Amino acid sequence: ANLLLHSDQKVIDIAYASGFQSLSRFYHA
C-alpha cells in the first residue's frame, strides 16, 4: 500500500517486491 502511494512502480512489480509469489494472490489479499 505504501509503494502504491509513493512510487510509480507497476502493480505487478509491487506485488513481487512485497513478497507475493503471484499477482492473483496479491490482488485477492
mmCIF file of all heavy atoms, coordinates in Angstrom:
data_MODEL
# 
_entry.id   MODEL 
# 
loop_
_atom_site.group_PDB 
_atom_site.id 
_atom_site.type_symbol 
_atom_site.label_atom_id 
_atom_site.label_alt_id 
_atom_site.label_comp_id 
_atom_site.label_asym_id 
_atom_site.label_entity_id 
_atom_site.label_seq_id 
_atom_site.pdbx_PDB_ins_code 
_atom_site.Cartn_x 
_atom_site.Cartn_y 
_atom_site.Cartn_z 
_atom_site.occupancy 
_atom_site.B_iso_or_equiv 
_atom_site.pdbx_formal_charge 
_atom_site.auth_seq_id 
_atom_site.auth_comp_id 
_atom_site.auth_asym_id 
_atom_site.auth_atom_id 
_atom_site.pdbx_PDB_model_num 
ATOM 1   N N   . ALA A 1 1  ? 0.838   -1.206  0.000   1.00 0.00 ? 1  ALA A N   1 
ATOM 2   C CA  . ALA A 1 1  ? 0.000   0.000   0.000   1.00 0.00 ? 1  ALA A CA  1 
ATOM 3   C C   . ALA A 1 1  ? 0.872   1.255   0.000   1.00 0.00 ? 1  ALA A C   1 
ATOM 4   O O   . ALA A 1 1  ? 0.584   2.219   -0.719  1.00 0.00 ? 1  ALA A O   1 
ATOM 5   C CB  . ALA A 1 1  ? -0.926  -0.006  1.213   1.00 0.00 ? 1  ALA A CB  1 
ATOM 6   N N   . ASN A 1 2  ? 1.934   1.235   0.770   1.00 0.00 ? 2  ASN A N   1 
ATOM 7   C CA  . ASN A 1 2  ? 2.860   2.371   0.803   1.00 0.00 ? 2  ASN A CA  1 
ATOM 8   C C   . ASN A 1 2  ? 3.529   2.576   -0.557  1.00 0.00 ? 2  ASN A C   1 
ATOM 9   O O   . ASN A 1 2  ? 3.657   3.714   -1.032  1.00 0.00 ? 2  ASN A O   1 
ATOM 10  C CB  . ASN A 1 2  ? 3.907   2.158   1.899   1.00 0.00 ? 2  ASN A CB  1 
ATOM 11  C CG  . ASN A 1 2  ? 4.776   3.360   2.098   1.00 0.00 ? 2  ASN A CG  1 
ATOM 12  O OD1 . ASN A 1 2  ? 4.294   4.490   2.142   1.00 0.00 ? 2  ASN A OD1 1 
ATOM 13  N ND2 . ASN A 1 2  ? 6.074   3.140   2.217   1.00 0.00 ? 2  ASN A ND2 1 
ATOM 14  N N   . LEU A 1 3  ? 3.942   1.491   -1.192  1.00 0.00 ? 3  LEU A N   1 
ATOM 15  C CA  . LEU A 1 3  ? 4.543   1.600   -2.520  1.00 0.00 ? 3  LEU A CA  1 
ATOM 16  C C   . LEU A 1 3  ? 3.543   2.118   -3.555  1.00 0.00 ? 3  LEU A C   1 
ATOM 17  O O   . LEU A 1 3  ? 3.905   2.893   -4.441  1.00 0.00 ? 3  LEU A O   1 
ATOM 18  C CB  . LEU A 1 3  ? 5.104   0.258   -2.976  1.00 0.00 ? 3  LEU A CB  1 
ATOM 19  C CG  . LEU A 1 3  ? 6.383   -0.217  -2.295  1.00 0.00 ? 3  LEU A CG  1 
ATOM 20  C CD1 . LEU A 1 3  ? 6.766   -1.606  -2.793  1.00 0.00 ? 3  LEU A CD1 1 
ATOM 21  C CD2 . LEU A 1 3  ? 7.518   0.755   -2.523  1.00 0.00 ? 3  LEU A CD2 1 
ATOM 22  N N   . LEU A 1 4  ? 2.304   1.694   -3.446  1.00 0.00 ? 4  LEU A N   1 
ATOM 23  C CA  . LEU A 1 4  ? 1.278   2.165   -4.379  1.00 0.00 ? 4  LEU A CA  1 
ATOM 24  C C   . LEU A 1 4  ? 1.107   3.680   -4.281  1.00 0.00 ? 4  LEU A C   1 
ATOM 25  O O   . LEU A 1 4  ? 0.902   4.356   -5.285  1.00 0.00 ? 4  LEU A O   1 
ATOM 26  C CB  . LEU A 1 4  ? -0.065  1.480   -4.101  1.00 0.00 ? 4  LEU A CB  1 
ATOM 27  C CG  . LEU A 1 4  ? -0.172  0.040   -4.567  1.00 0.00 ? 4  LEU A CG  1 
ATOM 28  C CD1 . LEU A 1 4  ? -1.394  -0.624  -3.953  1.00 0.00 ? 4  LEU A CD1 1 
ATOM 29  C CD2 . LEU A 1 4  ? -0.236  -0.028  -6.087  1.00 0.00 ? 4  LEU A CD2 1 
ATOM 30  N N   . LEU A 1 5  ? 1.200   4.199   -3.071  1.00 0.00 ? 5  LEU A N   1 
ATOM 31  C CA  . LEU A 1 5  ? 1.005   5.632   -2.870  1.00 0.00 ? 5  LEU A CA  1 
ATOM 32  C C   . LEU A 1 5  ? 2.242   6.472   -3.163  1.00 0.00 ? 5  LEU A C   1 
ATOM 33  O O   . LEU A 1 5  ? 2.118   7.625   -3.562  1.00 0.00 ? 5  LEU A O   1 
ATOM 34  C CB  . LEU A 1 5  ? 0.554   5.901   -1.429  1.00 0.00 ? 5  LEU A CB  1 
ATOM 35  C CG  . LEU A 1 5  ? -0.796  5.314   -1.027  1.00 0.00 ? 5  LEU A CG  1 
ATOM 36  C CD1 . LEU A 1 5  ? -1.102  5.653   0.415   1.00 0.00 ? 5  LEU A CD1 1 
ATOM 37  C CD2 . LEU A 1 5  ? -1.893  5.811   -1.947  1.00 0.00 ? 5  LEU A CD2 1 
ATOM 38  N N   . HIS A 1 6  ? 3.406   5.905   -2.953  1.00 0.00 ? 6  HIS A N   1 
ATOM 39  C CA  . HIS A 1 6  ? 4.628   6.704   -3.001  1.00 0.00 ? 6  HIS A CA  1 
ATOM 40  C C   . HIS A 1 6  ? 5.619   6.301   -4.085  1.00 0.00 ? 6  HIS A C   1 
ATOM 41  O O   . HIS A 1 6  ? 6.792   6.675   -4.013  1.00 0.00 ? 6  HIS A O   1 
ATOM 42  C CB  . HIS A 1 6  ? 5.316   6.669   -1.639  1.00 0.00 ? 6  HIS A CB  1 
ATOM 43  C CG  . HIS A 1 6  ? 4.443   7.178   -0.537  1.00 0.00 ? 6  HIS A CG  1 
ATOM 44  N ND1 . HIS A 1 6  ? 4.090   8.499   -0.405  1.00 0.00 ? 6  HIS A ND1 1 
ATOM 45  C CD2 . HIS A 1 6  ? 3.815   6.524   0.471   1.00 0.00 ? 6  HIS A CD2 1 
ATOM 46  C CE1 . HIS A 1 6  ? 3.300   8.648   0.639   1.00 0.00 ? 6  HIS A CE1 1 
ATOM 47  N NE2 . HIS A 1 6  ? 3.124   7.466   1.186   1.00 0.00 ? 6  HIS A NE2 1 
ATOM 48  N N   . SER A 1 7  ? 5.147   5.537   -5.063  1.00 0.00 ? 7  SER A N   1 
ATOM 49  C CA  . SER A 1 7  ? 6.023   5.185   -6.180  1.00 0.00 ? 7  SER A CA  1 
ATOM 50  C C   . SER A 1 7  ? 5.187   5.077   -7.442  1.00 0.00 ? 7  SER A C   1 
ATOM 51  O O   . SER A 1 7  ? 3.963   5.066   -7.396  1.00 0.00 ? 7  SER A O   1 
ATOM 52  C CB  . SER A 1 7  ? 6.738   3.848   -5.924  1.00 0.00 ? 7  SER A CB  1 
ATOM 53  O OG  . SER A 1 7  ? 5.871   2.753   -6.155  1.00 0.00 ? 7  SER A OG  1 
ATOM 54  N N   . ASP A 1 8  ? 5.875   5.015   -8.543  1.00 0.00 ? 8  ASP A N   1 
ATOM 55  C CA  . ASP A 1 8  ? 5.214   4.850   -9.839  1.00 0.00 ? 8  ASP A CA  1 
ATOM 56  C C   . ASP A 1 8  ? 5.385   3.432   -10.370 1.00 0.00 ? 8  ASP A C   1 
ATOM 57  O O   . ASP A 1 8  ? 5.141   3.173   -11.542 1.00 0.00 ? 8  ASP A O   1 
ATOM 58  C CB  . ASP A 1 8  ? 5.791   5.844   -10.863 1.00 0.00 ? 8  ASP A CB  1 
ATOM 59  C CG  . ASP A 1 8  ? 5.446   7.282   -10.522 1.00 0.00 ? 8  ASP A CG  1 
ATOM 60  O OD1 . ASP A 1 8  ? 4.389   7.511   -9.903  1.00 0.00 ? 8  ASP A OD1 1 
ATOM 61  O OD2 . ASP A 1 8  ? 6.232   8.179   -10.877 1.00 0.00 ? 8  ASP A OD2 1 
ATOM 62  N N   . GLN A 1 9  ? 5.790   2.512   -9.513  1.00 0.00 ? 9  GLN A N   1 
ATOM 63  C CA  . GLN A 1 9  ? 6.010   1.131   -9.933  1.00 0.00 ? 9  GLN A CA  1 
ATOM 64  C C   . GLN A 1 9  ? 4.706   0.501   -10.404 1.00 0.00 ? 9  GLN A C   1 
ATOM 65  O O   . GLN A 1 9  ? 3.617   0.841   -9.919  1.00 0.00 ? 9  GLN A O   1 
ATOM 66  C CB  . GLN A 1 9  ? 6.560   0.303   -8.774  1.00 0.00 ? 9  GLN A CB  1 
ATOM 67  C CG  . GLN A 1 9  ? 7.951   0.677   -8.342  1.00 0.00 ? 9  GLN A CG  1 
ATOM 68  C CD  . GLN A 1 9  ? 8.411   -0.231  -7.217  1.00 0.00 ? 9  GLN A CD  1 
ATOM 69  O OE1 . GLN A 1 9  ? 8.160   -1.430  -7.229  1.00 0.00 ? 9  GLN A OE1 1 
ATOM 70  N NE2 . GLN A 1 9  ? 9.097   0.350   -6.240  1.00 0.00 ? 9  GLN A NE2 1 
ATOM 71  N N   . LYS A 1 10 ? 4.830   -0.439  -11.313 1.00 0.00 ? 10 LYS A N   1 
ATOM 72  C CA  . LYS A 1 10 ? 3.670   -1.200  -11.767 1.00 0.00 ? 10 LYS A CA  1 
ATOM 73  C C   . LYS A 1 10 ? 3.180   -2.096  -10.627 1.00 0.00 ? 10 LYS A C   1 
ATOM 74  O O   . LYS A 1 10 ? 3.971   -2.512  -9.773  1.00 0.00 ? 10 LYS A O   1 
ATOM 75  C CB  . LYS A 1 10 ? 4.039   -2.069  -12.962 1.00 0.00 ? 10 LYS A CB  1 
ATOM 76  C CG  . LYS A 1 10 ? 4.412   -1.287  -14.193 1.00 0.00 ? 10 LYS A CG  1 
ATOM 77  C CD  . LYS A 1 10 ? 4.805   -2.236  -15.314 1.00 0.00 ? 10 LYS A CD  1 
ATOM 78  C CE  . LYS A 1 10 ? 5.219   -1.447  -16.536 1.00 0.00 ? 10 LYS A CE  1 
ATOM 79  N NZ  . LYS A 1 10 ? 5.611   -2.331  -17.639 1.00 0.00 ? 10 LYS A NZ  1 
ATOM 80  N N   . VAL A 1 11 ? 1.896   -2.414  -10.659 1.00 0.00 ? 11 VAL A N   1 
ATOM 81  C CA  . VAL A 1 11 ? 1.298   -3.242  -9.610  1.00 0.00 ? 11 VAL A CA  1 
ATOM 82  C C   . VAL A 1 11 ? 1.993   -4.594  -9.530  1.00 0.00 ? 11 VAL A C   1 
ATOM 83  O O   . VAL A 1 11 ? 2.264   -5.092  -8.435  1.00 0.00 ? 11 VAL A O   1 
ATOM 84  C CB  . VAL A 1 11 ? -0.219  -3.400  -9.828  1.00 0.00 ? 11 VAL A CB  1 
ATOM 85  C CG1 . VAL A 1 11 ? -0.818  -4.400  -8.849  1.00 0.00 ? 11 VAL A CG1 1 
ATOM 86  C CG2 . VAL A 1 11 ? -0.918  -2.057  -9.691  1.00 0.00 ? 11 VAL A CG2 1 
ATOM 87  N N   . ILE A 1 12 ? 2.309   -5.186  -10.651 1.00 0.00 ? 12 ILE A N   1 
ATOM 88  C CA  . ILE A 1 12 ? 2.969   -6.496  -10.627 1.00 0.00 ? 12 ILE A CA  1 
ATOM 89  C C   . ILE A 1 12 ? 4.336   -6.412  -9.945  1.00 0.00 ? 12 ILE A C   1 
ATOM 90  O O   . ILE A 1 12 ? 4.710   -7.303  -9.179  1.00 0.00 ? 12 ILE A O   1 
ATOM 91  C CB  . ILE A 1 12 ? 3.076   -7.116  -12.036 1.00 0.00 ? 12 ILE A CB  1 
ATOM 92  C CG1 . ILE A 1 12 ? 3.516   -8.580  -11.929 1.00 0.00 ? 12 ILE A CG1 1 
ATOM 93  C CG2 . ILE A 1 12 ? 4.003   -6.322  -12.933 1.00 0.00 ? 12 ILE A CG2 1 
ATOM 94  C CD1 . ILE A 1 12 ? 3.327   -9.373  -13.198 1.00 0.00 ? 12 ILE A CD1 1 
ATOM 95  N N   . ASP A 1 13 ? 5.068   -5.332  -10.185 1.00 0.00 ? 13 ASP A N   1 
ATOM 96  C CA  . ASP A 1 13 ? 6.372   -5.164  -9.534  1.00 0.00 ? 13 ASP A CA  1 
ATOM 97  C C   . ASP A 1 13 ? 6.215   -4.968  -8.034  1.00 0.00 ? 13 ASP A C   1 
ATOM 98  O O   . ASP A 1 13 ? 7.014   -5.482  -7.244  1.00 0.00 ? 13 ASP A O   1 
ATOM 99  C CB  . ASP A 1 13 ? 7.116   -3.984  -10.152 1.00 0.00 ? 13 ASP A CB  1 
ATOM 100 C CG  . ASP A 1 13 ? 7.477   -4.220  -11.601 1.00 0.00 ? 13 ASP A CG  1 
ATOM 101 O OD1 . ASP A 1 13 ? 7.660   -5.395  -11.992 1.00 0.00 ? 13 ASP A OD1 1 
ATOM 102 O OD2 . ASP A 1 13 ? 7.572   -3.232  -12.365 1.00 0.00 ? 13 ASP A OD2 1 
ATOM 103 N N   . ILE A 1 14 ? 5.174   -4.249  -7.633  1.00 0.00 ? 14 ILE A N   1 
ATOM 104 C CA  . ILE A 1 14 ? 4.900   -4.046  -6.211  1.00 0.00 ? 14 ILE A CA  1 
ATOM 105 C C   . ILE A 1 14 ? 4.518   -5.367  -5.555  1.00 0.00 ? 14 ILE A C   1 
ATOM 106 O O   . ILE A 1 14 ? 4.952   -5.664  -4.445  1.00 0.00 ? 14 ILE A O   1 
ATOM 107 C CB  . ILE A 1 14 ? 3.805   -2.979  -6.024  1.00 0.00 ? 14 ILE A CB  1 
ATOM 108 C CG1 . ILE A 1 14 ? 4.360   -1.602  -6.403  1.00 0.00 ? 14 ILE A CG1 1 
ATOM 109 C CG2 . ILE A 1 14 ? 3.272   -2.981  -4.598  1.00 0.00 ? 14 ILE A CG2 1 
ATOM 110 C CD1 . ILE A 1 14 ? 3.334   -0.488  -6.441  1.00 0.00 ? 14 ILE A CD1 1 
ATOM 111 N N   . ALA A 1 15 ? 3.722   -6.164  -6.246  1.00 0.00 ? 15 ALA A N   1 
ATOM 112 C CA  . ALA A 1 15 ? 3.318   -7.463  -5.702  1.00 0.00 ? 15 ALA A CA  1 
ATOM 113 C C   . ALA A 1 15 ? 4.541   -8.322  -5.405  1.00 0.00 ? 15 ALA A C   1 
ATOM 114 O O   . ALA A 1 15 ? 4.663   -8.893  -4.310  1.00 0.00 ? 15 ALA A O   1 
ATOM 115 C CB  . ALA A 1 15 ? 2.392   -8.180  -6.683  1.00 0.00 ? 15 ALA A CB  1 
ATOM 116 N N   . TYR A 1 16 ? 5.448   -8.415  -6.350  1.00 0.00 ? 16 TYR A N   1 
ATOM 117 C CA  . TYR A 1 16 ? 6.644   -9.235  -6.147  1.00 0.00 ? 16 TYR A CA  1 
ATOM 118 C C   . TYR A 1 16 ? 7.597   -8.617  -5.122  1.00 0.00 ? 16 TYR A C   1 
ATOM 119 O O   . TYR A 1 16 ? 8.190   -9.336  -4.314  1.00 0.00 ? 16 TYR A O   1 
ATOM 120 C CB  . TYR A 1 16 ? 7.348   -9.506  -7.472  1.00 0.00 ? 16 TYR A CB  1 
ATOM 121 C CG  . TYR A 1 16 ? 6.550   -10.423 -8.374  1.00 0.00 ? 16 TYR A CG  1 
ATOM 122 C CD1 . TYR A 1 16 ? 6.224   -10.054 -9.665  1.00 0.00 ? 16 TYR A CD1 1 
ATOM 123 C CD2 . TYR A 1 16 ? 6.097   -11.662 -7.922  1.00 0.00 ? 16 TYR A CD2 1 
ATOM 124 C CE1 . TYR A 1 16 ? 5.475   -10.889 -10.489 1.00 0.00 ? 16 TYR A CE1 1 
ATOM 125 C CE2 . TYR A 1 16 ? 5.340   -12.499 -8.735  1.00 0.00 ? 16 TYR A CE2 1 
ATOM 126 C CZ  . TYR A 1 16 ? 5.037   -12.108 -10.016 1.00 0.00 ? 16 TYR A CZ  1 
ATOM 127 O OH  . TYR A 1 16 ? 4.283   -12.927 -10.817 1.00 0.00 ? 16 TYR A OH  1 
ATOM 128 N N   . ALA A 1 17 ? 7.714   -7.291  -5.120  1.00 0.00 ? 17 ALA A N   1 
ATOM 129 C CA  . ALA A 1 17 ? 8.568   -6.615  -4.139  1.00 0.00 ? 17 ALA A CA  1 
ATOM 130 C C   . ALA A 1 17 ? 8.035   -6.796  -2.719  1.00 0.00 ? 17 ALA A C   1 
ATOM 131 O O   . ALA A 1 17 ? 8.796   -6.742  -1.756  1.00 0.00 ? 17 ALA A O   1 
ATOM 132 C CB  . ALA A 1 17 ? 8.678   -5.129  -4.468  1.00 0.00 ? 17 ALA A CB  1 
ATOM 133 N N   . SER A 1 18 ? 6.735   -7.024  -2.611  1.00 0.00 ? 18 SER A N   1 
ATOM 134 C CA  . SER A 1 18 ? 6.100   -7.208  -1.306  1.00 0.00 ? 18 SER A CA  1 
ATOM 135 C C   . SER A 1 18 ? 6.116   -8.657  -0.834  1.00 0.00 ? 18 SER A C   1 
ATOM 136 O O   . SER A 1 18 ? 5.580   -8.972  0.224   1.00 0.00 ? 18 SER A O   1 
ATOM 137 C CB  . SER A 1 18 ? 4.645   -6.724  -1.375  1.00 0.00 ? 18 SER A CB  1 
ATOM 138 O OG  . SER A 1 18 ? 4.610   -5.366  -1.735  1.00 0.00 ? 18 SER A OG  1 
ATOM 139 N N   . GLY A 1 19 ? 6.691   -9.535  -1.625  1.00 0.00 ? 19 GLY A N   1 
ATOM 140 C CA  . GLY A 1 19 ? 6.838   -10.930 -1.206  1.00 0.00 ? 19 GLY A CA  1 
ATOM 141 C C   . GLY A 1 19 ? 5.755   -11.868 -1.681  1.00 0.00 ? 19 GLY A C   1 
ATOM 142 O O   . GLY A 1 19 ? 5.729   -13.024 -1.271  1.00 0.00 ? 19 GLY A O   1 
ATOM 143 N N   . PHE A 1 20 ? 4.856   -11.397 -2.537  1.00 0.00 ? 20 PHE A N   1 
ATOM 144 C CA  . PHE A 1 20 ? 3.824   -12.280 -3.072  1.00 0.00 ? 20 PHE A CA  1 
ATOM 145 C C   . PHE A 1 20 ? 4.383   -13.034 -4.265  1.00 0.00 ? 20 PHE A C   1 
ATOM 146 O O   . PHE A 1 20 ? 5.138   -12.488 -5.059  1.00 0.00 ? 20 PHE A O   1 
ATOM 147 C CB  . PHE A 1 20 ? 2.578   -11.477 -3.472  1.00 0.00 ? 20 PHE A CB  1 
ATOM 148 C CG  . PHE A 1 20 ? 1.810   -10.982 -2.288  1.00 0.00 ? 20 PHE A CG  1 
ATOM 149 C CD1 . PHE A 1 20 ? 2.110   -9.759  -1.715  1.00 0.00 ? 20 PHE A CD1 1 
ATOM 150 C CD2 . PHE A 1 20 ? 0.812   -11.745 -1.729  1.00 0.00 ? 20 PHE A CD2 1 
ATOM 151 C CE1 . PHE A 1 20 ? 1.422   -9.303  -0.612  1.00 0.00 ? 20 PHE A CE1 1 
ATOM 152 C CE2 . PHE A 1 20 ? 0.110   -11.305 -0.621  1.00 0.00 ? 20 PHE A CE2 1 
ATOM 153 C CZ  . PHE A 1 20 ? 0.418   -10.068 -0.056  1.00 0.00 ? 20 PHE A CZ  1 
ATOM 154 N N   . GLN A 1 21 ? 3.983   -14.296 -4.380  1.00 0.00 ? 21 GLN A N   1 
ATOM 155 C CA  . GLN A 1 21 ? 4.515   -15.146 -5.437  1.00 0.00 ? 21 GLN A CA  1 
ATOM 156 C C   . GLN A 1 21 ? 3.674   -15.117 -6.708  1.00 0.00 ? 21 GLN A C   1 
ATOM 157 O O   . GLN A 1 21 ? 4.110   -15.609 -7.742  1.00 0.00 ? 21 GLN A O   1 
ATOM 158 C CB  . GLN A 1 21 ? 4.636   -16.587 -4.931  1.00 0.00 ? 21 GLN A CB  1 
ATOM 159 C CG  . GLN A 1 21 ? 5.565   -16.715 -3.743  1.00 0.00 ? 21 GLN A CG  1 
ATOM 160 C CD  . GLN A 1 21 ? 6.968   -16.234 -4.027  1.00 0.00 ? 21 GLN A CD  1 
ATOM 161 O OE1 . GLN A 1 21 ? 7.542   -16.565 -5.051  1.00 0.00 ? 21 GLN A OE1 1 
ATOM 162 N NE2 . GLN A 1 21 ? 7.522   -15.433 -3.136  1.00 0.00 ? 21 GLN A NE2 1 
ATOM 163 N N   . SER A 1 22 ? 2.471   -14.539 -6.627  1.00 0.00 ? 22 SER A N   1 
ATOM 164 C CA  . SER A 1 22 ? 1.647   -14.416 -7.824  1.00 0.00 ? 22 SER A CA  1 
ATOM 165 C C   . SER A 1 22 ? 0.804   -13.155 -7.734  1.00 0.00 ? 22 SER A C   1 
ATOM 166 O O   . SER A 1 22 ? 0.439   -12.706 -6.636  1.00 0.00 ? 22 SER A O   1 
ATOM 167 C CB  . SER A 1 22 ? 0.737   -15.639 -8.012  1.00 0.00 ? 22 SER A CB  1 
ATOM 168 O OG  . SER A 1 22 ? -0.366  -15.579 -7.140  1.00 0.00 ? 22 SER A OG  1 
ATOM 169 N N   . LEU A 1 23 ? 0.492   -12.610 -8.881  1.00 0.00 ? 23 LEU A N   1 
ATOM 170 C CA  . LEU A 1 23 ? -0.303  -11.394 -8.944  1.00 0.00 ? 23 LEU A CA  1 
ATOM 171 C C   . LEU A 1 23 ? -1.728  -11.649 -8.464  1.00 0.00 ? 23 LEU A C   1 
ATOM 172 O O   . LEU A 1 23 ? -2.308  -10.811 -7.765  1.00 0.00 ? 23 LEU A O   1 
ATOM 173 C CB  . LEU A 1 23 ? -0.298  -10.842 -10.374 1.00 0.00 ? 23 LEU A CB  1 
ATOM 174 C CG  . LEU A 1 23 ? -0.946  -9.484  -10.570 1.00 0.00 ? 23 LEU A CG  1 
ATOM 175 C CD1 . LEU A 1 23 ? -0.272  -8.425  -9.715  1.00 0.00 ? 23 LEU A CD1 1 
ATOM 176 C CD2 . LEU A 1 23 ? -0.888  -9.091  -12.043 1.00 0.00 ? 23 LEU A CD2 1 
ATOM 177 N N   . SER A 1 24 ? -2.282  -12.802 -8.789  1.00 0.00 ? 24 SER A N   1 
ATOM 178 C CA  . SER A 1 24 ? -3.659  -13.083 -8.375  1.00 0.00 ? 24 SER A CA  1 
ATOM 179 C C   . SER A 1 24 ? -3.781  -13.197 -6.852  1.00 0.00 ? 24 SER A C   1 
ATOM 180 O O   . SER A 1 24 ? -4.753  -12.708 -6.267  1.00 0.00 ? 24 SER A O   1 
ATOM 181 C CB  . SER A 1 24 ? -4.188  -14.343 -9.059  1.00 0.00 ? 24 SER A CB  1 
ATOM 182 O OG  . SER A 1 24 ? -3.451  -15.467 -8.672  1.00 0.00 ? 24 SER A OG  1 
ATOM 183 N N   . ARG A 1 25 ? -2.812  -13.807 -6.211  1.00 0.00 ? 25 ARG A N   1 
ATOM 184 C CA  . ARG A 1 25 ? -2.834  -13.892 -4.739  1.00 0.00 ? 25 ARG A CA  1 
ATOM 185 C C   . ARG A 1 25 ? -2.708  -12.511 -4.122  1.00 0.00 ? 25 ARG A C   1 
ATOM 186 O O   . ARG A 1 25 ? -3.344  -12.201 -3.123  1.00 0.00 ? 25 ARG A O   1 
ATOM 187 C CB  . ARG A 1 25 ? -1.719  -14.801 -4.233  1.00 0.00 ? 25 ARG A CB  1 
ATOM 188 C CG  . ARG A 1 25 ? -1.980  -16.268 -4.592  1.00 0.00 ? 25 ARG A CG  1 
ATOM 189 C CD  . ARG A 1 25 ? -1.044  -17.160 -3.903  1.00 0.00 ? 25 ARG A CD  1 
ATOM 190 N NE  . ARG A 1 25 ? -1.540  -17.310 -2.525  1.00 0.00 ? 25 ARG A NE  1 
ATOM 191 C CZ  . ARG A 1 25 ? -1.048  -18.157 -1.658  1.00 0.00 ? 25 ARG A CZ  1 
ATOM 192 N NH1 . ARG A 1 25 ? -0.040  -18.907 -1.987  1.00 0.00 ? 25 ARG A NH1 1 
ATOM 193 N NH2 . ARG A 1 25 ? -1.549  -18.254 -0.455  1.00 0.00 ? 25 ARG A NH2 1 
ATOM 194 N N   . PHE A 1 26 ? -1.872  -11.672 -4.736  1.00 0.00 ? 26 PHE A N   1 
ATOM 195 C CA  . PHE A 1 26 ? -1.719  -10.309 -4.245  1.00 0.00 ? 26 PHE A CA  1 
ATOM 196 C C   . PHE A 1 26 ? -3.035  -9.547  -4.357  1.00 0.00 ? 26 PHE A C   1 
ATOM 197 O O   . PHE A 1 26 ? -3.479  -8.913  -3.398  1.00 0.00 ? 26 PHE A O   1 
ATOM 198 C CB  . PHE A 1 26 ? -0.610  -9.582  -5.021  1.00 0.00 ? 26 PHE A CB  1 
ATOM 199 C CG  . PHE A 1 26 ? -0.528  -8.116  -4.722  1.00 0.00 ? 26 PHE A CG  1 
ATOM 200 C CD1 . PHE A 1 26 ? -0.157  -7.666  -3.472  1.00 0.00 ? 26 PHE A CD1 1 
ATOM 201 C CD2 . PHE A 1 26 ? -0.838  -7.177  -5.695  1.00 0.00 ? 26 PHE A CD2 1 
ATOM 202 C CE1 . PHE A 1 26 ? -0.088  -6.303  -3.184  1.00 0.00 ? 26 PHE A CE1 1 
ATOM 203 C CE2 . PHE A 1 26 ? -0.768  -5.822  -5.430  1.00 0.00 ? 26 PHE A CE2 1 
ATOM 204 C CZ  . PHE A 1 26 ? -0.393  -5.386  -4.174  1.00 0.00 ? 26 PHE A CZ  1 
ATOM 205 N N   . TYR A 1 27 ? -3.664  -9.591  -5.530  1.00 0.00 ? 27 TYR A N   1 
ATOM 206 C CA  . TYR A 1 27 ? -4.928  -8.885  -5.730  1.00 0.00 ? 27 TYR A CA  1 
ATOM 207 C C   . TYR A 1 27 ? -5.984  -9.362  -4.725  1.00 0.00 ? 27 TYR A C   1 
ATOM 208 O O   . TYR A 1 27 ? -6.690  -8.550  -4.126  1.00 0.00 ? 27 TYR A O   1 
ATOM 209 C CB  . TYR A 1 27 ? -5.450  -9.088  -7.156  1.00 0.00 ? 27 TYR A CB  1 
ATOM 210 C CG  . TYR A 1 27 ? -5.094  -7.958  -8.083  1.00 0.00 ? 27 TYR A CG  1 
ATOM 211 C CD1 . TYR A 1 27 ? -3.918  -7.980  -8.807  1.00 0.00 ? 27 TYR A CD1 1 
ATOM 212 C CD2 . TYR A 1 27 ? -5.936  -6.873  -8.236  1.00 0.00 ? 27 TYR A CD2 1 
ATOM 213 C CE1 . TYR A 1 27 ? -3.580  -6.950  -9.669  1.00 0.00 ? 27 TYR A CE1 1 
ATOM 214 C CE2 . TYR A 1 27 ? -5.623  -5.834  -9.094  1.00 0.00 ? 27 TYR A CE2 1 
ATOM 215 C CZ  . TYR A 1 27 ? -4.436  -5.875  -9.810  1.00 0.00 ? 27 TYR A CZ  1 
ATOM 216 O OH  . TYR A 1 27 ? -4.112  -4.844  -10.650 1.00 0.00 ? 27 TYR A OH  1 
ATOM 217 N N   . HIS A 1 28 ? -6.098  -10.669 -4.555  1.00 0.00 ? 28 HIS A N   1 
ATOM 218 C CA  . HIS A 1 28 ? -7.094  -11.225 -3.647  1.00 0.00 ? 28 HIS A CA  1 
ATOM 219 C C   . HIS A 1 28 ? -6.835  -10.756 -2.211  1.00 0.00 ? 28 HIS A C   1 
ATOM 220 O O   . HIS A 1 28 ? -7.759  -10.310 -1.513  1.00 0.00 ? 28 HIS A O   1 
ATOM 221 C CB  . HIS A 1 28 ? -7.084  -12.752 -3.736  1.00 0.00 ? 28 HIS A CB  1 
ATOM 222 C CG  . HIS A 1 28 ? -8.069  -13.394 -2.825  1.00 0.00 ? 28 HIS A CG  1 
ATOM 223 N ND1 . HIS A 1 28 ? -9.420  -13.398 -3.066  1.00 0.00 ? 28 HIS A ND1 1 
ATOM 224 C CD2 . HIS A 1 28 ? -7.886  -14.043 -1.652  1.00 0.00 ? 28 HIS A CD2 1 
ATOM 225 C CE1 . HIS A 1 28 ? -10.031 -14.025 -2.077  1.00 0.00 ? 28 HIS A CE1 1 
ATOM 226 N NE2 . HIS A 1 28 ? -9.130  -14.436 -1.218  1.00 0.00 ? 28 HIS A NE2 1 
ATOM 227 N N   . ALA A 1 29 ? -5.603  -10.862 -1.749  1.00 0.00 ? 29 ALA A N   1 
ATOM 228 C CA  . ALA A 1 29 ? -5.257  -10.462 -0.380  1.00 0.00 ? 29 ALA A CA  1 
ATOM 229 C C   . ALA A 1 29 ? -5.428  -8.954  -0.188  1.00 0.00 ? 29 ALA A C   1 
ATOM 230 O O   . ALA A 1 29 ? -5.932  -8.508  0.851   1.00 0.00 ? 29 ALA A O   1 
ATOM 231 C CB  . ALA A 1 29 ? -3.819  -10.877 -0.061  1.00 0.00 ? 29 ALA A CB  1 
# 
